[in-house]
């Protein structure tokens, strides 16, 4: 293969295309959409937390082992 045929050896072409710049209107639209998305995410998180708190309220607390508590109190007093 000849070096001149390799695409990596070819000169970089000059492309005359204007660079797109955001307008003030586009910036305002994007920022308002970002604000709305943040509000929606916050509301969804609140609803999820409410549901999880409701769900966890039905799970009974673990039973305390009375003997283990007495042993730990005895150890604390002994030390």
PDB file of N, CA and C in Angstrom:
ATOM      1  N   UNK A   1       0.847  -1.179   0.000  1.00  0.00           N
ATOM      2  CA  UNK A   1       0.000   0.000   0.000  1.00  0.00           C
ATOM      3  C   UNK A   1       0.893   1.244   0.000  1.00  0.00           C
ATOM      4  N   UNK A   2       0.579   2.136  -0.850  1.00  0.00           N
ATOM      5  CA  UNK A   2       1.350   3.356  -0.987  1.00  0.00           C
ATOM      6  C   UNK A   2       0.957   4.348   0.110  1.00  0.00           C
ATOM      7  N   UNK A   3       1.946   5.112   0.626  1.00  0.00           N
ATOM      8  CA  UNK A   3       1.652   6.055   1.713  1.00  0.00           C
ATOM      9  C   UNK A   3       0.643   7.113   1.293  1.00  0.00           C
ATOM     10  N   UNK A   4       0.667   7.512   0.082  1.00  0.00           N
ATOM     11  CA  UNK A   4      -0.233   8.579  -0.369  1.00  0.00           C
ATOM     12  C   UNK A   4      -1.688   8.098  -0.403  1.00  0.00           C
ATOM     13  N   UNK A   5      -1.903   6.805  -0.398  1.00  0.00           N
ATOM     14  CA  UNK A   5      -3.267   6.279  -0.413  1.00  0.00           C
ATOM     15  C   UNK A   5      -3.850   6.120   0.993  1.00  0.00           C
ATOM     16  N   UNK A   6      -3.023   6.217   2.011  1.00  0.00           N
ATOM     17  CA  UNK A   6      -3.491   6.068   3.380  1.00  0.00           C
ATOM     18  C   UNK A   6      -4.241   7.335   3.801  1.00  0.00           C
ATOM     19  N   UNK A   7      -5.402   7.154   4.368  1.00  0.00           N
ATOM     20  CA  UNK A   7      -6.230   8.303   4.754  1.00  0.00           C
ATOM     21  C   UNK A   7      -5.582   9.132   5.856  1.00  0.00           C
ATOM     22  N   UNK A   8      -4.754   8.502   6.684  1.00  0.00           N
ATOM     23  CA  UNK A   8      -4.096   9.215   7.772  1.00  0.00           C
ATOM     24  C   UNK A   8      -2.998  10.149   7.259  1.00  0.00           C
ATOM     25  N   UNK A   9      -2.508   9.888   6.054  1.00  0.00           N
ATOM     26  CA  UNK A   9      -1.440  10.704   5.480  1.00  0.00           C
ATOM     27  C   UNK A   9      -1.973  11.839   4.613  1.00  0.00           C
ATOM     28  N   UNK A  10      -3.248  11.871   4.373  1.00  0.00           N
ATOM     29  CA  UNK A  10      -3.846  12.913   3.549  1.00  0.00           C
ATOM     30  C   UNK A  10      -3.907  14.226   4.324  1.00  0.00           C
ATOM     31  N   UNK A  11      -3.822  15.350   3.677  1.00  0.00           N
ATOM     32  CA  UNK A  11      -3.935  16.635   4.373  1.00  0.00           C
ATOM     33  C   UNK A  11      -5.363  16.849   4.883  1.00  0.00           C
ATOM     34  N   UNK A  12      -5.463  17.606   5.951  1.00  0.00           N
ATOM     35  CA  UNK A  12      -6.774  17.886   6.541  1.00  0.00           C
ATOM     36  C   UNK A  12      -7.498  18.874   5.639  1.00  0.00           C
ATOM     37  N   UNK A  13      -8.724  18.537   5.224  1.00  0.00           N
ATOM     38  CA  UNK A  13      -9.439  19.453   4.329  1.00  0.00           C
ATOM     39  C   UNK A  13      -9.975  20.668   5.097  1.00  0.00           C
ATOM     40  N   UNK A  14     -10.029  21.788   4.431  1.00  0.00           N
ATOM     41  CA  UNK A  14     -10.597  23.002   5.008  1.00  0.00           C
ATOM     42  C   UNK A  14     -12.098  22.982   4.743  1.00  0.00           C
ATOM     43  N   UNK A  15     -12.874  23.047   5.816  1.00  0.00           N
ATOM     44  CA  UNK A  15     -14.329  23.051   5.692  1.00  0.00           C
ATOM     45  C   UNK A  15     -14.811  24.422   6.142  1.00  0.00           C
ATOM     46  N   UNK A  16     -15.467  25.121   5.242  1.00  0.00           N
ATOM     47  CA  UNK A  16     -15.933  26.464   5.538  1.00  0.00           C
ATOM     48  C   UNK A  16     -17.414  26.412   5.933  1.00  0.00           C
ATOM     49  N   UNK A  17     -17.637  26.180   7.199  1.00  0.00           N
ATOM     50  CA  UNK A  17     -18.991  26.128   7.726  1.00  0.00           C
ATOM     51  C   UNK A  17     -19.020  27.035   8.943  1.00  0.00           C
ATOM     52  N   UNK A  18     -20.047  27.837   9.018  1.00  0.00           N
ATOM     53  CA  UNK A  18     -20.140  28.736  10.164  1.00  0.00           C
ATOM     54  C   UNK A  18     -20.440  27.939  11.432  1.00  0.00           C
ATOM     55  N   UNK A  19     -19.898  28.405  12.553  1.00  0.00           N
ATOM     56  CA  UNK A  19     -20.102  27.735  13.833  1.00  0.00           C
ATOM     57  C   UNK A  19     -21.430  28.184  14.422  1.00  0.00           C
ATOM     58  N   UNK A  20     -22.228  27.217  14.843  1.00  0.00           N
ATOM     59  CA  UNK A  20     -23.516  27.550  15.430  1.00  0.00           C
ATOM     60  C   UNK A  20     -23.325  28.053  16.849  1.00  0.00           C
ATOM     61  N   UNK A  21     -23.967  29.163  17.163  1.00  0.00           N
ATOM     62  CA  UNK A  21     -23.900  29.726  18.508  1.00  0.00           C
ATOM     63  C   UNK A  21     -25.322  29.772  19.067  1.00  0.00           C
ATOM     64  N   UNK A  22     -25.492  29.415  20.341  1.00  0.00           N
ATOM     65  CA  UNK A  22     -26.846  29.446  20.912  1.00  0.00           C
ATOM     66  C   UNK A  22     -27.344  30.877  21.043  1.00  0.00           C
ATOM     67  N   UNK A  23     -28.611  31.022  20.788  1.00  0.00           N
ATOM     68  CA  UNK A  23     -29.219  32.345  20.933  1.00  0.00           C
ATOM     69  C   UNK A  23     -29.745  32.493  22.345  1.00  0.00           C
ATOM     70  N   UNK A  24     -30.103  33.697  22.698  1.00  0.00           N
ATOM     71  CA  UNK A  24     -30.630  33.951  24.042  1.00  0.00           C
ATOM     72  C   UNK A  24     -31.937  33.198  24.261  1.00  0.00           C
ATOM     73  N   UNK A  25     -32.743  33.099  23.225  1.00  0.00           N
ATOM     74  CA  UNK A  25     -34.010  32.384  23.336  1.00  0.00           C
ATOM     75  C   UNK A  25     -33.771  30.904  23.614  1.00  0.00           C
ATOM     76  N   UNK A  26     -32.808  30.325  22.925  1.00  0.00           N
ATOM     77  CA  UNK A  26     -32.488  28.916  23.134  1.00  0.00           C
ATOM     78  C   UNK A  26     -31.977  28.688  24.555  1.00  0.00           C
ATOM     79  N   UNK A  27     -31.160  29.597  25.057  1.00  0.00           N
ATOM     80  CA  UNK A  27     -30.640  29.476  26.415  1.00  0.00           C
ATOM     81  C   UNK A  27     -31.782  29.553  27.420  1.00  0.00           C
ATOM     82  N   UNK A  28     -32.736  30.455  27.203  1.00  0.00           N
ATOM     83  CA  UNK A  28     -33.882  30.581  28.107  1.00  0.00           C
ATOM     84  C   UNK A  28     -34.744  29.326  28.075  1.00  0.00           C
ATOM     85  N   UNK A  29     -34.961  28.763  26.900  1.00  0.00           N
ATOM     86  CA  UNK A  29     -35.774  27.548  26.780  1.00  0.00           C
ATOM     87  C   UNK A  29     -35.100  26.385  27.491  1.00  0.00           C
ATOM     88  N   UNK A  30     -33.794  26.233  27.278  1.00  0.00           N
ATOM     89  CA  UNK A  30     -33.064  25.145  27.909  1.00  0.00           C
ATOM     90  C   UNK A  30     -33.071  25.299  29.427  1.00  0.00           C
ATOM     91  N   UNK A  31     -32.861  26.522  29.909  1.00  0.00           N
ATOM     92  CA  UNK A  31     -32.846  26.726  31.361  1.00  0.00           C
ATOM     93  C   UNK A  31     -34.229  26.494  31.958  1.00  0.00           C
ATOM     94  N   UNK A  32     -35.295  26.878  31.250  1.00  0.00           N
ATOM     95  CA  UNK A  32     -36.642  26.641  31.783  1.00  0.00           C
ATOM     96  C   UNK A  32     -36.971  25.148  31.768  1.00  0.00           C
ATOM     97  N   UNK A  33     -36.520  24.435  30.739  1.00  0.00           N
ATOM     98  CA  UNK A  33     -36.749  22.991  30.713  1.00  0.00           C
ATOM     99  C   UNK A  33     -35.966  22.298  31.820  1.00  0.00           C
ATOM    100  N   UNK A  34     -34.757  22.776  32.084  1.00  0.00           N
ATOM    101  CA  UNK A  34     -33.950  22.214  33.164  1.00  0.00           C
ATOM    102  C   UNK A  34     -34.639  22.455  34.500  1.00  0.00           C
ATOM    103  N   UNK A  35     -35.189  23.651  34.705  1.00  0.00           N
ATOM    104  CA  UNK A  35     -35.901  23.986  35.937  1.00  0.00           C
ATOM    105  C   UNK A  35     -37.129  23.091  36.102  1.00  0.00           C
ATOM    106  N   UNK A  36     -37.886  22.891  35.023  1.00  0.00           N
ATOM    107  CA  UNK A  36     -39.066  22.029  35.090  1.00  0.00           C
ATOM    108  C   UNK A  36     -38.684  20.586  35.394  1.00  0.00           C
ATOM    109  N   UNK A  37     -37.603  20.121  34.800  1.00  0.00           N
ATOM    110  CA  UNK A  37     -37.158  18.751  35.050  1.00  0.00           C
ATOM    111  C   UNK A  37     -36.748  18.580  36.505  1.00  0.00           C
ATOM    112  N   UNK A  38     -36.079  19.564  37.069  1.00  0.00           N
ATOM    113  CA  UNK A  38     -35.675  19.488  38.474  1.00  0.00           C
ATOM    114  C   UNK A  38     -36.902  19.458  39.374  1.00  0.00           C
ATOM    115  N   UNK A  39     -37.911  20.261  39.050  1.00  0.00           N
ATOM    116  CA  UNK A  39     -39.138  20.272  39.853  1.00  0.00           C
ATOM    117  C   UNK A  39     -39.849  18.924  39.787  1.00  0.00           C
ATOM    118  N   UNK A  40     -39.902  18.338  38.600  1.00  0.00           N
ATOM    119  CA  UNK A  40     -40.563  17.039  38.439  1.00  0.00           C
ATOM    120  C   UNK A  40     -39.806  15.967  39.219  1.00  0.00           C
ATOM    121  N   UNK A  41     -38.481  15.977  39.137  1.00  0.00           N
ATOM    122  CA  UNK A  41     -37.681  14.995  39.856  1.00  0.00           C
ATOM    123  C   UNK A  41     -37.888  15.144  41.360  1.00  0.00           C
ATOM    124  N   UNK A  42     -37.939  16.382  41.842  1.00  0.00           N
ATOM    125  CA  UNK A  42     -38.174  16.608  43.271  1.00  0.00           C
ATOM    126  C   UNK A  42     -39.534  16.061  43.701  1.00  0.00           C
ATOM    127  N   UNK A  43     -40.567  16.306  42.904  1.00  0.00           N
ATOM    128  CA  UNK A  43     -41.910  15.806  43.247  1.00  0.00           C
ATOM    129  C   UNK A  43     -41.950  14.279  43.228  1.00  0.00           C
ATOM    130  N   UNK A  44     -41.281  13.683  42.259  1.00  0.00           N
ATOM    131  CA  UNK A  44     -41.243  12.223  42.181  1.00  0.00           C
ATOM    132  C   UNK A  44     -40.508  11.653  43.382  1.00  0.00           C
ATOM    133  N   UNK A  45     -39.404  12.275  43.767  1.00  0.00           N
ATOM    134  CA  UNK A  45     -38.664  11.810  44.939  1.00  0.00           C
ATOM    135  C   UNK A  45     -39.504  11.913  46.210  1.00  0.00           C
ATOM    136  N   UNK A  46     -40.281  12.971  46.340  1.00  0.00           N
ATOM    137  CA  UNK A  46     -41.152  13.122  47.509  1.00  0.00           C
ATOM    138  C   UNK A  46     -42.188  12.003  47.534  1.00  0.00           C
ATOM    139  N   UNK A  47     -42.797  11.716  46.392  1.00  0.00           N
ATOM    140  CA  UNK A  47     -43.802  10.651  46.325  1.00  0.00           C
ATOM    141  C   UNK A  47     -43.180   9.289  46.643  1.00  0.00           C
ATOM    142  N   UNK A  48     -41.986   9.039  46.114  1.00  0.00           N
ATOM    143  CA  UNK A  48     -41.313   7.761  46.388  1.00  0.00           C
ATOM    144  C   UNK A  48     -40.997   7.642  47.872  1.00  0.00           C
ATOM    145  N   UNK A  49     -40.491   8.721  48.473  1.00  0.00           N
ATOM    146  CA  UNK A  49     -40.183   8.690  49.901  1.00  0.00           C
ATOM    147  C   UNK A  49     -41.436   8.495  50.748  1.00  0.00           C
ATOM    148  N   UNK A  50     -42.545   9.129  50.354  1.00  0.00           N
ATOM    149  CA  UNK A  50     -43.806   8.933  51.070  1.00  0.00           C
ATOM    150  C   UNK A  50     -44.254   7.477  50.994  1.00  0.00           C
ATOM    151  N   UNK A  51     -44.160   6.893  49.803  1.00  0.00           N
ATOM    152  CA  UNK A  51     -44.553   5.498  49.644  1.00  0.00           C
ATOM    153  C   UNK A  51     -43.661   4.581  50.475  1.00  0.00           C
ATOM    154  N   UNK A  52     -42.353   4.820  50.434  1.00  0.00           N
ATOM    155  CA  UNK A  52     -41.438   3.969  51.196  1.00  0.00           C
ATOM    156  C   UNK A  52     -41.671   4.103  52.696  1.00  0.00           C
ATOM    157  N   UNK A  53     -41.949   5.315  53.174  1.00  0.00           N
ATOM    158  CA  UNK A  53     -42.247   5.489  54.596  1.00  0.00           C
ATOM    159  C   UNK A  53     -43.529   4.759  54.969  1.00  0.00           C
ATOM    160  N   UNK A  54     -44.537   4.830  54.106  1.00  0.00           N
ATOM    161  CA  UNK A  54     -45.795   4.116  54.355  1.00  0.00           C
ATOM    162  C   UNK A  54     -45.535   2.607  54.385  1.00  0.00           C
ATOM    163  N   UNK A  55     -44.763   2.126  53.423  1.00  0.00           N
ATOM    164  CA  UNK A  55     -44.470   0.703  53.327  1.00  0.00           C
ATOM    165  C   UNK A  55     -43.686   0.227  54.543  1.00  0.00           C
ATOM    166  N   UNK A  56     -42.679   0.992  54.950  1.00  0.00           N
ATOM    167  CA  UNK A  56     -41.853   0.613  56.091  1.00  0.00           C
ATOM    168  C   UNK A  56     -42.619   0.680  57.407  1.00  0.00           C
ATOM    169  N   UNK A  57     -43.699   1.453  57.443  1.00  0.00           N
ATOM    170  CA  UNK A  57     -44.479   1.536  58.679  1.00  0.00           C
ATOM    171  C   UNK A  57     -45.190   0.219  58.975  1.00  0.00           C
ATOM    172  N   UNK A  58     -45.385  -0.631  57.984  1.00  0.00           N
ATOM    173  CA  UNK A  58     -46.052  -1.916  58.182  1.00  0.00           C
ATOM    174  C   UNK A  58     -45.076  -3.033  58.564  1.00  0.00           C
ATOM    175  N   UNK A  59     -43.797  -2.764  58.516  1.00  0.00           N
ATOM    176  CA  UNK A  59     -42.805  -3.770  58.907  1.00  0.00           C
ATOM    177  C   UNK A  59     -42.604  -3.665  60.415  1.00  0.00           C
ATOM    178  N   UNK A  60     -42.854  -4.733  61.136  1.00  0.00           N
ATOM    179  CA  UNK A  60     -42.709  -4.643  62.593  1.00  0.00           C
ATOM    180  C   UNK A  60     -41.241  -4.504  62.995  1.00  0.00           C
ATOM    181  N   UNK A  61     -41.045  -3.872  64.139  1.00  0.00           N
ATOM    182  CA  UNK A  61     -39.688  -3.729  64.641  1.00  0.00           C
ATOM    183  C   UNK A  61     -39.191  -5.087  65.115  1.00  0.00           C
ATOM    184  N   UNK A  62     -37.896  -5.333  64.999  1.00  0.00           N
ATOM    185  CA  UNK A  62     -37.375  -6.631  65.427  1.00  0.00           C
ATOM    186  C   UNK A  62     -37.527  -6.791  66.945  1.00  0.00           C
ATOM    187  N   UNK A  63     -37.787  -8.023  67.345  1.00  0.00           N
ATOM    188  CA  UNK A  63     -37.943  -8.301  68.775  1.00  0.00           C
ATOM    189  C   UNK A  63     -36.595  -8.182  69.454  1.00  0.00           C
ATOM    190  N   UNK A  64     -36.620  -7.565  70.596  1.00  0.00           N
ATOM    191  CA  UNK A  64     -35.390  -7.429  71.358  1.00  0.00           C
ATOM    192  C   UNK A  64     -35.195  -8.681  72.184  1.00  0.00           C
ATOM    193  N   UNK A  65     -33.989  -9.127  72.188  1.00  0.00           N
ATOM    194  CA  UNK A  65     -33.673 -10.309  72.963  1.00  0.00           C
ATOM    195  C   UNK A  65     -33.359  -9.865  74.390  1.00  0.00           C
ATOM    196  N   UNK A  66     -34.268 -10.170  75.303  1.00  0.00           N
ATOM    197  CA  UNK A  66     -34.162  -9.721  76.688  1.00  0.00           C
ATOM    198  C   UNK A  66     -32.897 -10.257  77.363  1.00  0.00           C
ATOM    199  N   UNK A  67     -32.541 -11.478  77.081  1.00  0.00           N
ATOM    200  CA  UNK A  67     -31.374 -12.085  77.723  1.00  0.00           C
ATOM    201  C   UNK A  67     -30.102 -11.373  77.294  1.00  0.00           C
ATOM    202  N   UNK A  68     -29.973 -11.068  76.014  1.00  0.00           N
ATOM    203  CA  UNK A  68     -28.784 -10.367  75.530  1.00  0.00           C
ATOM    204  C   UNK A  68     -28.671  -8.982  76.148  1.00  0.00           C
ATOM    205  N   UNK A  69     -29.792  -8.322  76.324  1.00  0.00           N
ATOM    206  CA  UNK A  69     -29.758  -7.003  76.947  1.00  0.00           C
ATOM    207  C   UNK A  69     -29.294  -7.104  78.402  1.00  0.00           C
ATOM    208  N   UNK A  70     -29.770  -8.088  79.113  1.00  0.00           N
ATOM    209  CA  UNK A  70     -29.357  -8.267  80.504  1.00  0.00           C
ATOM    210  C   UNK A  70     -27.866  -8.592  80.598  1.00  0.00           C
ATOM    211  N   UNK A  71     -27.385  -9.411  79.680  1.00  0.00           N
ATOM    212  CA  UNK A  71     -25.964  -9.772  79.687  1.00  0.00           C
ATOM    213  C   UNK A  71     -25.117  -8.531  79.406  1.00  0.00           C
ATOM    214  N   UNK A  72     -25.511  -7.736  78.447  1.00  0.00           N
ATOM    215  CA  UNK A  72     -24.720  -6.535  78.138  1.00  0.00           C
ATOM    216  C   UNK A  72     -24.757  -5.543  79.297  1.00  0.00           C
ATOM    217  N   UNK A  73     -25.903  -5.410  79.974  1.00  0.00           N
ATOM    218  CA  UNK A  73     -25.964  -4.534  81.151  1.00  0.00           C
ATOM    219  C   UNK A  73     -25.047  -5.054  82.261  1.00  0.00           C
ATOM    220  N   UNK A  74     -25.058  -6.364  82.444  1.00  0.00           N
ATOM    221  CA  UNK A  74     -24.187  -6.958  83.460  1.00  0.00           C
ATOM    222  C   UNK A  74     -22.713  -6.718  83.133  1.00  0.00           C
ATOM    223  N   UNK A  75     -22.352  -6.897  81.869  1.00  0.00           N
ATOM    224  CA  UNK A  75     -20.975  -6.662  81.452  1.00  0.00           C
ATOM    225  C   UNK A  75     -20.584  -5.200  81.667  1.00  0.00           C
ATOM    226  N   UNK A  76     -21.509  -4.288  81.345  1.00  0.00           N
ATOM    227  CA  UNK A  76     -21.221  -2.872  81.536  1.00  0.00           C
ATOM    228  C   UNK A  76     -21.011  -2.554  83.018  1.00  0.00           C
ATOM    229  N   UNK A  77     -21.831  -3.130  83.858  1.00  0.00           N
ATOM    230  CA  UNK A  77     -21.690  -2.882  85.287  1.00  0.00           C
ATOM    231  C   UNK A  77     -20.408  -3.520  85.830  1.00  0.00           C
ATOM    232  N   UNK A  78     -20.071  -4.662  85.320  1.00  0.00           N
ATOM    233  CA  UNK A  78     -18.882  -5.365  85.773  1.00  0.00           C
ATOM    234  C   UNK A  78     -17.615  -4.603  85.418  1.00  0.00           C
ATOM    235  N   UNK A  79     -17.611  -4.055  84.200  1.00  0.00           N
ATOM    236  CA  UNK A  79     -16.433  -3.302  83.737  1.00  0.00           C
ATOM    237  C   UNK A  79     -16.373  -1.985  84.448  1.00  0.00           C
TER     238      UNK A  79
END
